[in-house]
Amino acid sequence: MDIRILVGKRVKELRNKLKISQEELADIAELDRTYITSVECGKRNISIVNIEKLAIALKVTLKEFFDF
């Protein structure tokens, strides 16, 4: 499976676990809401910097983030 799809599914899974919207996640991570949408759909080749921002916002370590 494409890594972009795996990362997108993981972001959505962790976001839903926290019961926050895409907009709330975007605000916490200081990213645009449309960017979150495209990440969750697997349409973005996300940078490591933004992965770190999302992991922090989702309250997980990078190791946990990549625990597919």
N, C-alpha and C. Protein backbone atom coordinates (compact mmCIF):
# COMPACT_ATOMS: atom_id res chain seq x y z
N MET A 1 0.85 -1.19 0.00
CA MET A 1 0.00 0.00 0.00
C MET A 1 0.89 1.24 0.00
N ASP A 2 0.45 2.27 -0.66
CA ASP A 2 1.15 3.55 -0.76
C ASP A 2 1.32 4.15 0.64
N ILE A 3 2.52 4.62 0.95
CA ILE A 3 2.82 5.20 2.27
C ILE A 3 1.93 6.42 2.55
N ARG A 4 1.57 7.16 1.50
CA ARG A 4 0.71 8.34 1.71
C ARG A 4 -0.66 7.92 2.21
N ILE A 5 -1.16 6.80 1.72
CA ILE A 5 -2.46 6.27 2.18
C ILE A 5 -2.35 5.80 3.63
N LEU A 6 -1.27 5.08 3.94
CA LEU A 6 -1.07 4.59 5.30
C LEU A 6 -0.98 5.74 6.31
N VAL A 7 -0.21 6.77 5.96
CA VAL A 7 -0.07 7.93 6.86
C VAL A 7 -1.41 8.63 7.00
N GLY A 8 -2.11 8.80 5.91
CA GLY A 8 -3.42 9.47 5.96
C GLY A 8 -4.40 8.73 6.84
N LYS A 9 -4.44 7.41 6.71
CA LYS A 9 -5.34 6.60 7.55
C LYS A 9 -4.94 6.71 9.01
N ARG A 10 -3.64 6.75 9.26
CA ARG A 10 -3.17 6.85 10.65
C ARG A 10 -3.54 8.20 11.26
N VAL A 11 -3.37 9.26 10.50
CA VAL A 11 -3.76 10.60 11.00
C VAL A 11 -5.24 10.61 11.34
N LYS A 12 -6.06 10.09 10.45
CA LYS A 12 -7.51 10.07 10.69
C LYS A 12 -7.85 9.21 11.90
N GLU A 13 -7.21 8.06 12.03
CA GLU A 13 -7.44 7.17 13.17
C GLU A 13 -7.11 7.87 14.49
N LEU A 14 -5.94 8.50 14.55
CA LEU A 14 -5.52 9.18 15.78
C LEU A 14 -6.40 10.40 16.06
N ARG A 15 -6.78 11.11 15.01
CA ARG A 15 -7.65 12.29 15.19
C ARG A 15 -9.01 11.86 15.73
N ASN A 16 -9.56 10.81 15.17
CA ASN A 16 -10.86 10.31 15.64
C ASN A 16 -10.78 9.80 17.08
N LYS A 17 -9.65 9.22 17.43
CA LYS A 17 -9.45 8.74 18.80
C LYS A 17 -9.52 9.90 19.80
N LEU A 18 -8.99 11.05 19.39
CA LEU A 18 -9.05 12.24 20.23
C LEU A 18 -10.39 12.98 20.13
N LYS A 19 -11.22 12.53 19.19
CA LYS A 19 -12.53 13.15 18.97
C LYS A 19 -12.41 14.63 18.64
N ILE A 20 -11.50 14.93 17.71
CA ILE A 20 -11.36 16.31 17.25
C ILE A 20 -11.59 16.35 15.74
N SER A 21 -12.02 17.50 15.27
CA SER A 21 -12.28 17.69 13.84
C SER A 21 -10.98 17.96 13.10
N GLN A 22 -11.06 17.90 11.79
CA GLN A 22 -9.91 18.26 10.97
C GLN A 22 -9.51 19.71 11.24
N GLU A 23 -10.48 20.55 11.39
CA GLU A 23 -10.20 21.97 11.65
C GLU A 23 -9.48 22.16 12.99
N GLU A 24 -9.93 21.43 14.02
CA GLU A 24 -9.27 21.52 15.33
C GLU A 24 -7.83 21.01 15.24
N LEU A 25 -7.63 19.91 14.54
CA LEU A 25 -6.28 19.38 14.37
C LEU A 25 -5.41 20.38 13.62
N ALA A 26 -5.94 20.96 12.58
CA ALA A 26 -5.19 21.95 11.80
C ALA A 26 -4.78 23.13 12.68
N ASP A 27 -5.69 23.60 13.52
CA ASP A 27 -5.38 24.72 14.42
C ASP A 27 -4.26 24.36 15.40
N ILE A 28 -4.37 23.18 16.00
CA ILE A 28 -3.37 22.75 16.97
C ILE A 28 -2.00 22.56 16.32
N ALA A 29 -1.99 21.97 15.12
CA ALA A 29 -0.74 21.69 14.41
C ALA A 29 -0.22 22.88 13.61
N GLU A 30 -1.01 23.95 13.57
CA GLU A 30 -0.67 25.15 12.80
C GLU A 30 -0.50 24.82 11.31
N LEU A 31 -1.48 24.07 10.81
CA LEU A 31 -1.54 23.72 9.39
C LEU A 31 -2.92 24.11 8.86
N ASP A 32 -3.05 24.17 7.56
CA ASP A 32 -4.34 24.51 6.96
C ASP A 32 -5.28 23.31 6.99
N ARG A 33 -6.56 23.55 7.20
CA ARG A 33 -7.54 22.45 7.25
C ARG A 33 -7.56 21.66 5.95
N THR A 34 -7.43 22.34 4.82
CA THR A 34 -7.45 21.64 3.55
C THR A 34 -6.23 20.73 3.40
N TYR A 35 -5.14 21.11 4.04
CA TYR A 35 -3.95 20.27 4.03
C TYR A 35 -4.22 18.97 4.79
N ILE A 36 -4.88 19.07 5.94
CA ILE A 36 -5.24 17.89 6.73
C ILE A 36 -6.12 16.96 5.90
N THR A 37 -7.09 17.54 5.22
CA THR A 37 -7.98 16.74 4.37
C THR A 37 -7.20 15.98 3.32
N SER A 38 -6.29 16.68 2.65
CA SER A 38 -5.52 16.02 1.58
C SER A 38 -4.56 14.97 2.13
N VAL A 39 -4.03 15.19 3.34
CA VAL A 39 -3.17 14.18 3.98
C VAL A 39 -4.00 12.94 4.28
N GLU A 40 -5.17 13.13 4.90
CA GLU A 40 -6.02 12.00 5.26
C GLU A 40 -6.50 11.22 4.03
N CYS A 41 -6.61 11.88 2.90
CA CYS A 41 -7.03 11.21 1.66
C CYS A 41 -5.85 10.58 0.92
N GLY A 42 -4.64 10.77 1.45
CA GLY A 42 -3.46 10.19 0.81
C GLY A 42 -3.01 10.93 -0.42
N LYS A 43 -3.38 12.19 -0.53
CA LYS A 43 -3.04 12.98 -1.72
C LYS A 43 -1.81 13.86 -1.52
N ARG A 44 -1.24 13.86 -0.34
CA ARG A 44 -0.09 14.71 -0.04
C ARG A 44 1.15 13.89 0.23
N ASN A 45 2.26 14.35 -0.27
CA ASN A 45 3.55 13.78 0.07
C ASN A 45 4.06 14.63 1.24
N ILE A 46 3.66 14.25 2.43
CA ILE A 46 3.85 15.05 3.63
C ILE A 46 5.32 15.08 4.06
N SER A 47 5.77 16.25 4.49
CA SER A 47 7.16 16.40 4.93
C SER A 47 7.33 15.88 6.35
N ILE A 48 8.55 15.57 6.70
CA ILE A 48 8.85 15.08 8.04
C ILE A 48 8.55 16.16 9.08
N VAL A 49 8.72 17.41 8.73
CA VAL A 49 8.42 18.52 9.64
C VAL A 49 6.92 18.52 9.97
N ASN A 50 6.08 18.34 8.95
CA ASN A 50 4.64 18.32 9.19
C ASN A 50 4.19 17.04 9.89
N ILE A 51 4.90 15.94 9.66
CA ILE A 51 4.59 14.72 10.41
C ILE A 51 4.84 14.96 11.89
N GLU A 52 5.94 15.62 12.19
CA GLU A 52 6.23 15.93 13.60
C GLU A 52 5.16 16.84 14.20
N LYS A 53 4.74 17.87 13.46
CA LYS A 53 3.68 18.77 13.95
C LYS A 53 2.41 17.99 14.23
N LEU A 54 2.06 17.07 13.33
CA LEU A 54 0.84 16.28 13.52
C LEU A 54 0.97 15.33 14.70
N ALA A 55 2.12 14.70 14.84
CA ALA A 55 2.33 13.77 15.96
C ALA A 55 2.18 14.52 17.28
N ILE A 56 2.77 15.68 17.38
CA ILE A 56 2.65 16.49 18.61
C ILE A 56 1.19 16.86 18.85
N ALA A 57 0.52 17.33 17.81
CA ALA A 57 -0.89 17.72 17.93
C ALA A 57 -1.78 16.54 18.30
N LEU A 58 -1.40 15.35 17.83
CA LEU A 58 -2.19 14.15 18.11
C LEU A 58 -1.76 13.45 19.40
N LYS A 59 -0.78 14.06 20.08
CA LYS A 59 -0.31 13.59 21.40
C LYS A 59 0.27 12.18 21.35
N VAL A 60 1.08 11.93 20.31
CA VAL A 60 1.77 10.65 20.18
C VAL A 60 3.24 10.90 19.83
N THR A 61 4.06 9.93 20.13
CA THR A 61 5.46 10.02 19.72
C THR A 61 5.54 9.68 18.23
N LEU A 62 6.68 9.96 17.63
CA LEU A 62 6.85 9.59 16.22
C LEU A 62 6.79 8.07 16.07
N LYS A 63 7.33 7.34 17.04
CA LYS A 63 7.26 5.88 16.99
C LYS A 63 5.81 5.41 17.00
N GLU A 64 5.00 5.99 17.88
CA GLU A 64 3.58 5.64 17.93
C GLU A 64 2.86 6.03 16.66
N PHE A 65 3.23 7.19 16.12
CA PHE A 65 2.60 7.67 14.89
C PHE A 65 2.76 6.67 13.77
N PHE A 66 3.95 6.08 13.67
CA PHE A 66 4.24 5.14 12.59
C PHE A 66 3.92 3.69 12.94
N ASP A 67 3.21 3.48 14.03
CA ASP A 67 2.80 2.12 14.42
C ASP A 67 1.52 1.77 13.69
N PHE A 68 1.67 1.39 12.41
CA PHE A 68 0.51 1.04 11.59
C PHE A 68 -0.01 -0.28 12.06
